[in-house]
Protein backbone atom coordinates (compact mmCIF):
# COMPACT_ATOMS: atom_id res chain seq x y z
CA MET A 1 -112.78 -94.11 -5.40
CA THR A 2 -111.49 -97.61 -4.15
CA TRP A 3 -112.21 -101.00 -5.34
CA GLN A 4 -110.73 -104.37 -5.66
CA ASP A 5 -109.67 -105.73 -9.09
CA GLU A 6 -110.29 -109.15 -10.35
CA ALA A 7 -107.11 -110.30 -8.64
CA GLY A 8 -108.25 -108.93 -5.41
CA VAL A 9 -105.67 -106.17 -5.34
CA PRO A 10 -107.05 -102.73 -3.87
CA ARG A 11 -107.07 -100.02 -6.21
CA SER A 12 -108.03 -96.50 -6.14
CA GLY A 13 -108.91 -93.69 -8.65
CA MET A 14 -110.59 -90.32 -9.12
CA VAL A 15 -114.27 -90.37 -10.94
CA ARG A 16 -116.66 -87.48 -11.11
CA LEU A 17 -120.23 -88.08 -9.10
CA PRO A 18 -122.88 -85.61 -8.71
CA LEU A 19 -122.66 -83.85 -5.11
CA ASP A 20 -125.82 -85.87 -3.84
CA HIS A 21 -123.68 -89.22 -4.60
CA LEU A 22 -120.53 -88.57 -2.68
CA SER A 23 -120.31 -91.14 0.03
CA ASP A 24 -120.80 -95.03 0.23
CA THR A 25 -122.34 -94.85 -3.36
CA ARG A 26 -122.13 -97.82 -5.82
CA ALA A 27 -120.59 -96.55 -9.20
CA GLN A 28 -120.01 -98.29 -12.38
CA ILE A 29 -116.45 -97.64 -13.24
CA TRP A 30 -114.56 -98.77 -16.53
CA LEU A 31 -110.98 -99.72 -16.48
CA ASP A 32 -108.28 -99.89 -19.28
CA ARG A 33 -106.14 -102.97 -19.89
CA GLN A 34 -103.48 -101.53 -17.10
CA GLY A 35 -106.48 -101.31 -14.60
CA ARG A 36 -106.50 -97.39 -14.64
CA VAL A 37 -109.81 -95.66 -14.73
CA ALA A 38 -110.81 -95.09 -18.12
CA PRO A 39 -114.05 -93.17 -19.74
CA ARG A 40 -117.14 -95.11 -20.31
CA PRO A 41 -117.37 -96.65 -23.99
CA HIS A 42 -119.31 -94.85 -26.64
CA GLY A 43 -123.24 -95.36 -26.45
CA ILE A 44 -125.30 -95.41 -29.54
CA VAL A 45 -126.27 -91.95 -29.73
CA GLU A 46 -122.42 -90.86 -29.87
CA ILE A 47 -121.75 -93.46 -32.49
CA ILE A 48 -124.58 -92.25 -34.54
CA PHE A 49 -123.51 -88.31 -34.07
CA GLY A 50 -119.67 -89.50 -35.09
CA VAL A 51 -121.06 -91.24 -38.25
CA LEU A 52 -123.24 -88.49 -39.30
CA LEU A 53 -120.31 -86.05 -38.70
CA ALA A 54 -117.85 -88.04 -40.72
CA GLY A 55 -120.56 -88.32 -43.65
CA LEU A 56 -120.94 -84.49 -43.35
CA LEU A 57 -117.18 -83.87 -43.64
CA ALA A 58 -116.80 -86.39 -46.37
CA GLY A 59 -119.39 -84.69 -48.14
CA TRP A 60 -118.00 -81.07 -47.63
CA SER A 61 -114.87 -82.36 -48.82
CA THR A 62 -115.97 -83.91 -51.99
CA TRP A 63 -117.83 -80.65 -52.75
CA LEU A 64 -114.77 -78.69 -51.84
CA ALA A 65 -112.60 -80.70 -54.30
CA SER A 66 -115.46 -80.82 -57.22
CA TRP A 67 -115.61 -77.10 -56.84
CA ARG A 68 -111.85 -76.56 -57.05
CA LEU A 69 -111.73 -78.82 -60.21
CA ARG A 70 -114.34 -76.85 -61.85
CA LEU A 71 -112.48 -73.70 -61.13
CA LEU A 72 -109.29 -75.38 -62.52
CA ARG A 73 -111.16 -76.16 -65.69
CA HIS A 74 -112.56 -72.69 -66.00
CA TRP A 75 -109.09 -71.28 -65.58
CA TRP A 76 -107.65 -73.65 -68.10
CA VAL A 77 -110.38 -72.98 -70.63
CA ALA A 78 -109.72 -69.34 -70.10
CA ALA A 79 -106.00 -69.65 -70.55
CA ARG A 80 -106.40 -71.57 -73.87
CA ALA A 81 -108.67 -69.11 -75.23
CA VAL A 82 -106.26 -66.20 -74.46
CA LYS A 83 -103.43 -68.18 -76.04
CA THR A 84 -105.58 -68.58 -79.24
CA LEU A 85 -106.38 -64.97 -79.52
CA GLU A 86 -102.97 -64.09 -78.91
CA GLU A 87 -101.92 -66.40 -81.73
CA GLN A 88 -104.52 -64.97 -84.01
CA TRP A 89 -103.31 -61.34 -83.04
CA HIS A 90 -99.78 -62.23 -84.04
CA ASP A 91 -101.02 -63.51 -87.18
CA LEU A 92 -102.63 -60.51 -87.94
CA ASN A 93 -99.52 -58.26 -87.27
CA ARG A 94 -97.43 -60.27 -89.40
CA GLU A 95 -99.58 -59.80 -92.16
CA ARG A 96 -99.65 -55.99 -91.07
CA ARG A 97 -103.49 -56.00 -91.17
CA SER A 98 -105.48 -54.11 -88.57
CA PRO A 99 -107.59 -55.81 -86.02
CA PRO A 100 -111.16 -56.31 -86.78
CA ASP A 101 -113.59 -53.60 -85.65
CA PRO A 102 -115.26 -54.76 -82.34
CA ARG A 103 -118.20 -52.55 -83.31
CA MET A 104 -119.14 -54.87 -86.40
């Protein structure tokens, strides 16, 4: 595709067009600040999709972080319980008493 920029300088670039629009067709093109062909700006559908996708990702990340924190808390509570039981077991062994019967 060829065109003239605002200063009248002839420019050219590659664009994709459907096969039925190949010759002598007017096409709207977008240029970047250096005058090169750029992709079209995002429309409302792409913007809404991006926002929804970002929200979904943020929600999933928050859920994953809270799940990991709950898992860490469960591990910490279990480790504290095991430590307490070990201390009680050592106290029983120091006094040479037998452990309690779990069937009672």
